[in-house]
Amino acid sequence: NCSWESWLTQSVTRNEDNETLRERREFWRSQLNRSQVTVRAINIGQGTTATHWTLNLIPPNVWTQHWRTFQGKNVSNTARNAGNAAINAYNKYRVCVSPHGRHHNDTSLCDTNILLYRLRMALRDVLISGLQVLSDSPYPYLLAELLEAKPDLVYFHTMRQPDSWAYHRSRAHPTDIICRDICTSSSSYFEISDCCRTHSQDDTVSSLSVSDIRLRTTSVRRAANKNISELATKFAWHQNYIHSLIRKYSAADYIELCAWDDTPTKNAQSRSLYQALRSVG
């Protein structure tokens, strides 16, 4: 199943920064006309939670983006270009964070305020591009931005048991980025728009980190069990963070789905998501 509450016995304290919240709200109010938004549903589940499987629930006529894959009848070049631009903006973070990245020490290219502005503008363009359903990176890392931009959407959340997710995700995507432990102003380890934002000129992406279990060896099995457990706990905390945000933005239509849960609950959740996604088209 996809229970995570037991993982929260380990304390992971994150704080909301009022200045960040205020600045985010002002940005989206000034930059987005909500009446122009074409997106109707977003999968906010992290990758490696059966995100590919949910694509089967989306009607074939609905314009959908999953990473660089676009499905739906006659998806326009405008929609494709917008979706790819959002991925490119997200990848700038990854390049800057990597110790082997070309721009790792170049603060003019790796300033978090600059990167965030570009990522937000790319996200704005996606929201009005004609795309109707979004899935996979970078969107799960931008939940606070999305809810502030357009709260009254279908937000569906593919889930997985924390230890299983940490093991498989680190194996397939060891260079994904999360917030450092020192970033106590971040509301979640997986909300990259919040990571160590100090609102100063010295606020660079060096304050972000690759996953703290990023493996430099050939096999995930060589990773210390403690590191896997730490990432699983942070993932579980993120599930709590999602719940708190959804409660805050009550206009959102929220659906959870655990693809590993072979119970009537999963079947009911699948039907609810299928019906919600049918209404998109």
C-alpha atoms as a PDB file:
ATOM      1  CA  ASN A   1       0.000   0.000   0.000  1.00  0.00           C
ATOM      2  CA  CYS A   2       1.018   3.658   0.115  1.00  0.00           C
ATOM      3  CA  SER A   3       0.890   4.514   3.792  1.00  0.00           C
ATOM      4  CA  TRP A   4       3.424   7.093   4.939  1.00  0.00           C
ATOM      5  CA  GLU A   5       2.275   8.197   8.404  1.00  0.00           C
ATOM      6  CA  SER A   6       4.590   5.784  10.237  1.00  0.00           C
ATOM      7  CA  TRP A   7       7.576   7.461   8.594  1.00  0.00           C
ATOM      8  CA  LEU A   8       6.744  10.750  10.252  1.00  0.00           C
ATOM      9  CA  THR A   9       7.893   9.509  13.650  1.00  0.00           C
ATOM     10  CA  GLN A  10      11.199  11.036  12.587  1.00  0.00           C
ATOM     11  CA  SER A  11      10.999  14.797  12.905  1.00  0.00           C
ATOM     12  CA  VAL A  12      11.565  16.764   9.712  1.00  0.00           C
ATOM     13  CA  THR A  13      10.920  20.420  10.427  1.00  0.00           C
ATOM     14  CA  ARG A  14      10.179  22.777   7.555  1.00  0.00           C
ATOM     15  CA  ASN A  15       8.936  26.335   7.803  1.00  0.00           C
ATOM     16  CA  GLU A  16       6.930  28.544   5.491  1.00  0.00           C
ATOM     17  CA  ASP A  17       8.550  31.853   4.621  1.00  0.00           C
ATOM     18  CA  ASN A  18       5.938  34.617   4.588  1.00  0.00           C
ATOM     19  CA  GLU A  19       8.046  36.741   2.275  1.00  0.00           C
ATOM     20  CA  THR A  20       8.262  33.885  -0.223  1.00  0.00           C
ATOM     21  CA  LEU A  21       4.489  33.337  -0.057  1.00  0.00           C
ATOM     22  CA  ARG A  22       3.801  37.022  -0.588  1.00  0.00           C
ATOM     23  CA  GLU A  23       6.205  37.296  -3.497  1.00  0.00           C
ATOM     24  CA  ARG A  24       4.776  34.171  -5.163  1.00  0.00           C
ATOM     25  CA  ARG A  25       1.228  35.493  -4.927  1.00  0.00           C
ATOM     26  CA  GLU A  26       2.170  38.851  -6.391  1.00  0.00           C
ATOM     27  CA  PHE A  27       3.990  37.211  -9.303  1.00  0.00           C
ATOM     28  CA  TRP A  28       1.072  35.065 -10.405  1.00  0.00           C
ATOM     29  CA  ARG A  29      -1.468  37.826  -9.982  1.00  0.00           C
ATOM     30  CA  SER A  30       0.547  40.064 -12.276  1.00  0.00           C
ATOM     31  CA  GLN A  31       1.685  37.507 -14.851  1.00  0.00           C
ATOM     32  CA  LEU A  32      -1.262  35.167 -15.443  1.00  0.00           C
ATOM     33  CA  ASN A  33      -4.802  35.707 -16.657  1.00  0.00           C
ATOM     34  CA  ARG A  34      -6.535  32.669 -15.194  1.00  0.00           C
ATOM     35  CA  SER A  35      -9.269  32.785 -17.809  1.00  0.00           C
ATOM     36  CA  GLN A  36      -6.654  31.873 -20.449  1.00  0.00           C
ATOM     37  CA  VAL A  37      -5.466  28.719 -18.675  1.00  0.00           C
ATOM     38  CA  THR A  38      -6.041  25.564 -20.736  1.00  0.00           C
ATOM     39  CA  VAL A  39      -4.595  23.027 -18.284  1.00  0.00           C
ATOM     40  CA  ARG A  40      -7.316  21.144 -16.422  1.00  0.00           C
ATOM     41  CA  ALA A  41      -5.441  18.418 -14.514  1.00  0.00           C
ATOM     42  CA  ILE A  42      -1.945  17.902 -13.124  1.00  0.00           C
ATOM     43  CA  ASN A  43      -0.276  14.826 -11.664  1.00  0.00           C
ATOM     44  CA  ILE A  44       1.658  16.115  -8.645  1.00  0.00           C
ATOM     45  CA  GLY A  45       3.103  12.705  -7.785  1.00  0.00           C
ATOM     46  CA  GLN A  46       6.870  12.304  -7.974  1.00  0.00           C
ATOM     47  CA  GLY A  47       8.282  10.185 -10.775  1.00  0.00           C
ATOM     48  CA  THR A  48       8.551   6.441 -10.100  1.00  0.00           C
ATOM     49  CA  THR A  49       5.047   6.340  -8.605  1.00  0.00           C
ATOM     50  CA  ALA A  50       3.361   4.764 -11.659  1.00  0.00           C
ATOM     51  CA  THR A  51       2.993   8.100 -13.422  1.00  0.00           C
ATOM     52  CA  HIS A  52       3.243   6.342 -16.797  1.00  0.00           C
ATOM     53  CA  TRP A  53       0.394   4.021 -15.832  1.00  0.00           C
ATOM     54  CA  THR A  54      -1.992   6.924 -15.252  1.00  0.00           C
ATOM     55  CA  LEU A  55      -1.543   8.024 -18.856  1.00  0.00           C
ATOM     56  CA  ASN A  56      -3.764   5.070 -19.765  1.00  0.00           C
ATOM     57  CA  LEU A  57      -6.642   6.766 -17.919  1.00  0.00           C
ATOM     58  CA  ILE A  58      -6.455   9.916 -20.026  1.00  0.00           C
ATOM     59  CA  PRO A  59      -8.759  10.090 -23.076  1.00  0.00           C
ATOM     60  CA  PRO A  60      -6.838   9.998 -26.380  1.00  0.00           C
ATOM     61  CA  ASN A  61      -8.126  13.384 -27.514  1.00  0.00           C
ATOM     62  CA  VAL A  62      -6.713  15.205 -24.464  1.00  0.00           C
ATOM     63  CA  TRP A  63      -3.437  17.078 -24.973  1.00  0.00           C
ATOM     64  CA  THR A  64      -1.100  15.654 -22.354  1.00  0.00           C
ATOM     65  CA  GLN A  65       2.558  16.149 -21.478  1.00  0.00           C
ATOM     66  CA  HIS A  66       4.632  13.562 -19.614  1.00  0.00           C
ATOM     67  CA  TRP A  67       8.267  14.727 -19.595  1.00  0.00           C
ATOM     68  CA  ARG A  68       9.082  15.091 -23.320  1.00  0.00           C
ATOM     69  CA  THR A  69       6.276  12.803 -24.460  1.00  0.00           C
ATOM     70  CA  PHE A  70       3.114  14.480 -25.771  1.00  0.00           C
ATOM     71  CA  GLN A  71      -0.069  12.524 -26.408  1.00  0.00           C
ATOM     72  CA  GLY A  72      -3.400  13.576 -27.807  1.00  0.00           C
ATOM     73  CA  LYS A  73      -4.749  14.269 -31.255  1.00  0.00           C
ATOM     74  CA  ASN A  74      -2.875  16.965 -33.195  1.00  0.00           C
ATOM     75  CA  VAL A  75      -0.947  18.483 -30.279  1.00  0.00           C
ATOM     76  CA  SER A  76       0.178  21.888 -31.547  1.00  0.00           C
ATOM     77  CA  ASN A  77       3.779  23.023 -31.893  1.00  0.00           C
ATOM     78  CA  THR A  78       2.985  25.839 -29.482  1.00  0.00           C
ATOM     79  CA  ALA A  79       2.029  23.321 -26.796  1.00  0.00           C
ATOM     80  CA  ARG A  80       5.053  21.117 -27.474  1.00  0.00           C
ATOM     81  CA  ASN A  81       7.442  24.055 -27.426  1.00  0.00           C
ATOM     82  CA  ALA A  82       6.008  25.350 -24.166  1.00  0.00           C
ATOM     83  CA  GLY A  83       6.255  21.950 -22.490  1.00  0.00           C
ATOM     84  CA  ASN A  84       9.826  21.423 -23.629  1.00  0.00           C
ATOM     85  CA  ALA A  85      10.798  24.938 -22.533  1.00  0.00           C
ATOM     86  CA  ALA A  86       9.553  24.177 -19.012  1.00  0.00           C
ATOM     87  CA  ILE A  87      11.734  21.064 -18.916  1.00  0.00           C
ATOM     88  CA  ASN A  88      14.712  23.062 -20.176  1.00  0.00           C
ATOM     89  CA  ALA A  89      14.190  25.673 -17.452  1.00  0.00           C
ATOM     90  CA  TYR A  90      14.037  22.919 -14.833  1.00  0.00           C
ATOM     91  CA  ASN A  91      17.172  21.306 -16.218  1.00  0.00           C
ATOM     92  CA  LYS A  92      19.055  24.567 -15.642  1.00  0.00           C
ATOM     93  CA  TYR A  93      18.663  23.875 -11.929  1.00  0.00           C
ATOM     94  CA  ARG A  94      20.082  20.393 -12.336  1.00  0.00           C
ATOM     95  CA  VAL A  95      23.069  21.607 -14.343  1.00  0.00           C
ATOM     96  CA  CYS A  96      23.904  24.274 -11.777  1.00  0.00           C
ATOM     97  CA  VAL A  97      23.498  21.965  -8.810  1.00  0.00           C
ATOM     98  CA  SER A  98      25.664  19.190 -10.234  1.00  0.00           C
ATOM     99  CA  PRO A  99      29.275  19.473  -9.026  1.00  0.00           C
ATOM    100  CA  HIS A 100      30.259  18.482 -12.547  1.00  0.00           C
ATOM    101  CA  GLY A 101      27.927  20.965 -14.263  1.00  0.00           C
ATOM    102  CA  ARG A 102      29.439  23.513 -16.626  1.00  0.00           C
ATOM    103  CA  HIS A 103      27.940  26.449 -14.711  1.00  0.00           C
ATOM    104  CA  HIS A 104      28.314  25.160 -11.163  1.00  0.00           C
ATOM    105  CA  ASN A 105      30.482  28.071 -10.005  1.00  0.00           C
ATOM    106  CA  ASP A 106      29.046  30.735 -12.309  1.00  0.00           C
ATOM    107  CA  THR A 107      26.768  32.813 -10.083  1.00  0.00           C
ATOM    108  CA  SER A 108      25.670  34.955 -13.018  1.00  0.00           C
ATOM    109  CA  LEU A 109      24.055  31.888 -14.597  1.00  0.00           C
ATOM    110  CA  CYS A 110      23.131  30.030 -11.416  1.00  0.00           C
ATOM    111  CA  ASP A 111      21.388  32.688  -9.379  1.00  0.00           C
ATOM    112  CA  THR A 112      18.240  31.119  -7.949  1.00  0.00           C
ATOM    113  CA  ASN A 113      16.178  34.269  -8.455  1.00  0.00           C
ATOM    114  CA  ILE A 114      17.023  34.303 -12.165  1.00  0.00           C
ATOM    115  CA  LEU A 115      16.417  30.572 -12.527  1.00  0.00           C
ATOM    116  CA  LEU A 116      13.124  30.788 -10.662  1.00  0.00           C
ATOM    117  CA  TYR A 117      11.891  33.682 -12.782  1.00  0.00           C
ATOM    118  CA  ARG A 118      12.651  31.760 -15.980  1.00  0.00           C
ATOM    119  CA  LEU A 119      11.018  28.630 -14.632  1.00  0.00           C
ATOM    120  CA  ARG A 120       7.907  30.548 -13.624  1.00  0.00           C
ATOM    121  CA  MET A 121       7.622  32.230 -17.013  1.00  0.00           C
ATOM    122  CA  ALA A 122       7.988  28.853 -18.702  1.00  0.00           C
ATOM    123  CA  LEU A 123       5.305  27.440 -16.401  1.00  0.00           C
ATOM    124  CA  ARG A 124       2.998  30.329 -17.244  1.00  0.00           C
ATOM    125  CA  ASP A 125       3.429  29.605 -20.952  1.00  0.00           C
ATOM    126  CA  VAL A 126       2.618  25.922 -20.381  1.00  0.00           C
ATOM    127  CA  LEU A 127      -0.573  26.777 -18.513  1.00  0.00           C
ATOM    128  CA  ILE A 128      -1.934  28.776 -21.482  1.00  0.00           C
ATOM    129  CA  SER A 129      -0.369  26.674 -24.266  1.00  0.00           C
ATOM    130  CA  GLY A 130      -3.331  24.437 -25.068  1.00  0.00           C
ATOM    131  CA  LEU A 131      -2.016  21.522 -23.001  1.00  0.00           C
ATOM    132  CA  GLN A 132      -4.714  20.047 -20.786  1.00  0.00           C
ATOM    133  CA  VAL A 133      -2.971  17.485 -18.543  1.00  0.00           C
ATOM    134  CA  LEU A 134       0.554  17.732 -17.093  1.00  0.00           C
ATOM    135  CA  SER A 135       2.572  14.906 -15.575  1.00  0.00           C
ATOM    136  CA  ASP A 136       6.138  14.229 -14.439  1.00  0.00           C
ATOM    137  CA  SER A 137       8.983  16.695 -13.850  1.00  0.00           C
ATOM    138  CA  PRO A 138       9.116  19.592 -13.387  1.00  0.00           C
ATOM    139  CA  TYR A 139       5.502  19.935 -12.263  1.00  0.00           C
ATOM    140  CA  PRO A 140       5.574  17.881  -9.016  1.00  0.00           C
ATOM    141  CA  TYR A 141       8.403  20.148  -7.820  1.00  0.00           C
ATOM    142  CA  LEU A 142       6.250  23.249  -8.300  1.00  0.00           C
ATOM    143  CA  LEU A 143       3.054  22.473  -6.419  1.00  0.00           C
ATOM    144  CA  ALA A 144       2.985  25.736  -4.469  1.00  0.00           C
ATOM    145  CA  GLU A 145       3.466  27.692  -7.691  1.00  0.00           C
ATOM    146  CA  LEU A 146       0.726  25.769  -9.479  1.00  0.00           C
ATOM    147  CA  LEU A 147      -1.812  26.142  -6.689  1.00  0.00           C
ATOM    148  CA  GLU A 148      -1.144  29.858  -6.477  1.00  0.00           C
ATOM    149  CA  ALA A 149      -1.392  30.203 -10.258  1.00  0.00           C
ATOM    150  CA  LYS A 150      -4.560  28.153 -10.769  1.00  0.00           C
ATOM    151  CA  PRO A 151      -6.003  26.389  -7.713  1.00  0.00           C
ATOM    152  CA  ASP A 152      -9.283  25.167  -9.230  1.00  0.00           C
ATOM    153  CA  LEU A 153      -7.851  22.263 -11.238  1.00  0.00           C
ATOM    154  CA  VAL A 154      -7.844  18.501 -10.802  1.00  0.00           C
ATOM    155  CA  TYR A 155      -4.694  17.710  -8.835  1.00  0.00           C
ATOM    156  CA  PHE A 156      -4.131  13.963  -8.843  1.00  0.00           C
ATOM    157  CA  HIS A 157      -1.404  12.406  -6.780  1.00  0.00           C
ATOM    158  CA  THR A 158       0.214   9.074  -7.622  1.00  0.00           C
ATOM    159  CA  MET A 159       1.797   7.632  -4.484  1.00  0.00           C
ATOM    160  CA  ARG A 160       4.144   4.883  -3.379  1.00  0.00           C
ATOM    161  CA  GLN A 161       5.452   3.434  -0.117  1.00  0.00           C
ATOM    162  CA  PRO A 162       8.294   5.771   0.958  1.00  0.00           C
ATOM    163  CA  ASP A 163      11.077   3.195   1.290  1.00  0.00           C
ATOM    164  CA  SER A 164      10.186   1.590  -2.026  1.00  0.00           C
ATOM    165  CA  TRP A 165      10.067   4.975  -3.740  1.00  0.00           C
ATOM    166  CA  ALA A 166      13.427   6.079  -2.260  1.00  0.00           C
ATOM    167  CA  TYR A 167      15.132   2.887  -3.373  1.00  0.00           C
ATOM    168  CA  HIS A 168      13.798   2.844  -6.928  1.00  0.00           C
ATOM    169  CA  ARG A 169      13.986   6.592  -7.510  1.00  0.00           C
ATOM    170  CA  SER A 170      17.594   6.854  -6.398  1.00  0.00           C
ATOM    171  CA  ARG A 171      18.436   3.968  -8.642  1.00  0.00           C
ATOM    172  CA  ALA A 172      16.805   5.399 -11.763  1.00  0.00           C
ATOM    173  CA  HIS A 173      17.319   9.122 -11.176  1.00  0.00           C
ATOM    174  CA  PRO A 174      20.194   9.689  -8.728  1.00  0.00           C
ATOM    175  CA  THR A 175      20.782  13.283  -9.822  1.00  0.00           C
ATOM    176  CA  ASP A 176      17.316  14.627  -9.054  1.00  0.00           C
ATOM    177  CA  ILE A 177      17.527  17.685  -6.831  1.00  0.00           C
ATOM    178  CA  ILE A 178      16.040  18.289  -3.422  1.00  0.00           C
ATOM    179  CA  CYS A 179      16.539  21.006  -0.826  1.00  0.00           C
ATOM    180  CA  ARG A 180      19.479  20.759   1.546  1.00  0.00           C
ATOM    181  CA  ASP A 181      18.900  20.116   5.245  1.00  0.00           C
ATOM    182  CA  ILE A 182      20.164  23.625   5.988  1.00  0.00           C
ATOM    183  CA  CYS A 183      17.324  25.177   3.995  1.00  0.00           C
ATOM    184  CA  THR A 184      14.983  25.559   6.930  1.00  0.00           C
ATOM    185  CA  SER A 185      12.993  28.251   5.112  1.00  0.00           C
ATOM    186  CA  SER A 186      11.812  25.687   2.581  1.00  0.00           C
ATOM    187  CA  SER A 187       8.326  24.310   3.069  1.00  0.00           C
ATOM    188  CA  SER A 188       9.253  20.901   1.618  1.00  0.00           C
ATOM    189  CA  TYR A 189      12.420  19.170   0.473  1.00  0.00           C
ATOM    190  CA  PHE A 190      10.751  18.758  -2.923  1.00  0.00           C
ATOM    191  CA  GLU A 191       9.447  22.306  -3.448  1.00  0.00           C
ATOM    192  CA  ILE A 192      12.437  23.583  -5.405  1.00  0.00           C
ATOM    193  CA  SER A 193      11.059  27.101  -5.811  1.00  0.00           C
ATOM    194  CA  ASP A 194      11.499  27.508  -2.035  1.00  0.00           C
ATOM    195  CA  CYS A 195      14.975  26.038  -1.618  1.00  0.00           C
ATOM    196  CA  CYS A 196      17.148  28.316   0.505  1.00  0.00           C
ATOM    197  CA  ARG A 197      15.615  31.498  -0.828  1.00  0.00           C
ATOM    198  CA  THR A 198      17.201  34.268   1.212  1.00  0.00           C
ATOM    199  CA  HIS A 199      16.109  37.160  -1.049  1.00  0.00           C
ATOM    200  CA  SER A 200      19.696  38.379  -1.276  1.00  0.00           C
ATOM    201  CA  GLN A 201      22.109  38.945  -4.137  1.00  0.00           C
ATOM    202  CA  ASP A 202      24.191  36.017  -2.901  1.00  0.00           C
ATOM    203  CA  ASP A 203      21.295  33.583  -3.216  1.00  0.00           C
ATOM    204  CA  THR A 204      22.780  31.095  -5.679  1.00  0.00           C
ATOM    205  CA  VAL A 205      21.964  27.554  -6.642  1.00  0.00           C
ATOM    206  CA  SER A 206      24.921  26.367  -4.616  1.00  0.00           C
ATOM    207  CA  SER A 207      22.303  26.372  -1.853  1.00  0.00           C
ATOM    208  CA  LEU A 208      20.540  23.509  -3.599  1.00  0.00           C
ATOM    209  CA  SER A 209      21.770  19.955  -3.570  1.00  0.00           C
ATOM    210  CA  VAL A 210      21.443  16.761  -5.516  1.00  0.00           C
ATOM    211  CA  SER A 211      19.629  14.099  -3.554  1.00  0.00           C
ATOM    212  CA  ASP A 212      21.639  13.377  -0.422  1.00  0.00           C
ATOM    213  CA  ILE A 213      21.759   9.724  -1.425  1.00  0.00           C
ATOM    214  CA  ARG A 214      23.104  10.496  -4.880  1.00  0.00           C
ATOM    215  CA  LEU A 215      25.237   7.466  -5.626  1.00  0.00           C
ATOM    216  CA  ARG A 216      28.747   7.821  -6.980  1.00  0.00           C
ATOM    217  CA  THR A 217      29.165   4.072  -7.103  1.00  0.00           C
ATOM    218  CA  THR A 218      27.827   1.600  -9.599  1.00  0.00           C
ATOM    219  CA  SER A 219      25.001   0.114  -7.567  1.00  0.00           C
ATOM    220  CA  VAL A 220      22.300   1.492  -5.291  1.00  0.00           C
ATOM    221  CA  ARG A 221      22.776  -1.582  -3.119  1.00  0.00           C
ATOM    222  CA  ARG A 222      26.015  -0.074  -1.854  1.00  0.00           C
ATOM    223  CA  ALA A 223      24.178   2.905  -0.398  1.00  0.00           C
ATOM    224  CA  ALA A 224      23.915   3.020   3.356  1.00  0.00           C
ATOM    225  CA  ASN A 225      20.494   1.994   4.607  1.00  0.00           C
ATOM    226  CA  LYS A 226      20.426   5.125   6.733  1.00  0.00           C
ATOM    227  CA  ASN A 227      20.575   7.307   3.630  1.00  0.00           C
ATOM    228  CA  ILE A 228      17.715   5.472   1.962  1.00  0.00           C
ATOM    229  CA  SER A 229      15.691   5.855   5.146  1.00  0.00           C
ATOM    230  CA  GLU A 230      16.419   9.587   5.319  1.00  0.00           C
ATOM    231  CA  LEU A 231      15.202  10.158   1.777  1.00  0.00           C
ATOM    232  CA  ALA A 232      12.112   8.026   2.428  1.00  0.00           C
ATOM    233  CA  THR A 233      11.317  10.172   5.464  1.00  0.00           C
ATOM    234  CA  LYS A 234      11.660  13.359   3.413  1.00  0.00           C
ATOM    235  CA  PHE A 235       9.376  11.868   0.766  1.00  0.00           C
ATOM    236  CA  ALA A 236       6.811  10.992   3.453  1.00  0.00           C
ATOM    237  CA  TRP A 237       7.024  14.506   4.832  1.00  0.00           C
ATOM    238  CA  HIS A 238       6.320  15.822   1.353  1.00  0.00           C
ATOM    239  CA  GLN A 239       3.053  13.861   1.318  1.00  0.00           C
ATOM    240  CA  ASN A 240       2.056  15.696   4.505  1.00  0.00           C
ATOM    241  CA  TYR A 241       3.070  18.977   2.884  1.00  0.00           C
ATOM    242  CA  ILE A 242       0.828  18.218  -0.105  1.00  0.00           C
ATOM    243  CA  HIS A 243      -2.125  17.602   2.208  1.00  0.00           C
ATOM    244  CA  SER A 244      -1.546  20.884   4.015  1.00  0.00           C
ATOM    245  CA  LEU A 245      -1.405  22.810   0.734  1.00  0.00           C
ATOM    246  CA  ILE A 246      -4.525  21.154  -0.647  1.00  0.00           C
ATOM    247  CA  ARG A 247      -6.400  22.105   2.530  1.00  0.00           C
ATOM    248  CA  LYS A 248      -5.187  25.676   2.136  1.00  0.00           C
ATOM    249  CA  TYR A 249      -6.339  25.893  -1.494  1.00  0.00           C
ATOM    250  CA  SER A 250      -9.778  24.369  -1.049  1.00  0.00           C
ATOM    251  CA  ALA A 251     -10.794  25.002  -4.670  1.00  0.00           C
ATOM    252  CA  ALA A 252      -8.557  22.168  -5.830  1.00  0.00           C
ATOM    253  CA  ASP A 253     -10.137  18.845  -6.796  1.00  0.00           C
ATOM    254  CA  TYR A 254      -7.710  16.386  -5.180  1.00  0.00           C
ATOM    255  CA  ILE A 255      -7.471  12.650  -5.971  1.00  0.00           C
ATOM    256  CA  GLU A 256      -4.920  10.218  -4.513  1.00  0.00           C
ATOM    257  CA  LEU A 257      -4.035   6.986  -6.242  1.00  0.00           C
ATOM    258  CA  CYS A 258      -1.739   4.141  -5.197  1.00  0.00           C
ATOM    259  CA  ALA A 259      -1.051   1.819  -8.114  1.00  0.00           C
ATOM    260  CA  TRP A 260       0.427  -0.777  -5.739  1.00  0.00           C
ATOM    261  CA  ASP A 261      -2.695  -0.989  -3.594  1.00  0.00           C
ATOM    262  CA  ASP A 262      -4.706  -3.979  -4.846  1.00  0.00           C
ATOM    263  CA  THR A 263      -7.801  -3.176  -2.840  1.00  0.00           C
ATOM    264  CA  PRO A 264     -11.262  -1.772  -3.582  1.00  0.00           C
ATOM    265  CA  THR A 265      -9.833   1.590  -2.521  1.00  0.00           C
ATOM    266  CA  LYS A 266      -7.514   1.601  -5.527  1.00  0.00           C
ATOM    267  CA  ASN A 267     -10.352   0.663  -7.858  1.00  0.00           C
ATOM    268  CA  ALA A 268     -12.538   3.448  -6.495  1.00  0.00           C
ATOM    269  CA  GLN A 269      -9.693   5.949  -6.785  1.00  0.00           C
ATOM    270  CA  SER A 270      -8.994   4.843 -10.352  1.00  0.00           C
ATOM    271  CA  ARG A 271     -12.638   5.301 -11.303  1.00  0.00           C
ATOM    272  CA  SER A 272     -12.697   8.762  -9.732  1.00  0.00           C
ATOM    273  CA  LEU A 273      -9.569   9.791 -11.605  1.00  0.00           C
ATOM    274  CA  TYR A 274     -10.840   8.312 -14.870  1.00  0.00           C
ATOM    275  CA  GLN A 275     -14.110  10.232 -14.576  1.00  0.00           C
ATOM    276  CA  ALA A 276     -12.255  13.443 -13.715  1.00  0.00           C
ATOM    277  CA  LEU A 277      -9.914  13.076 -16.676  1.00  0.00           C
ATOM    278  CA  ARG A 278     -12.791  12.252 -19.039  1.00  0.00           C
ATOM    279  CA  SER A 279     -14.370  15.563 -18.123  1.00  0.00           C
ATOM    280  CA  VAL A 280     -11.150  17.314 -19.213  1.00  0.00           C
ATOM    281  CA  GLY A 281     -11.745  16.355 -22.806  1.00  0.00           C
END
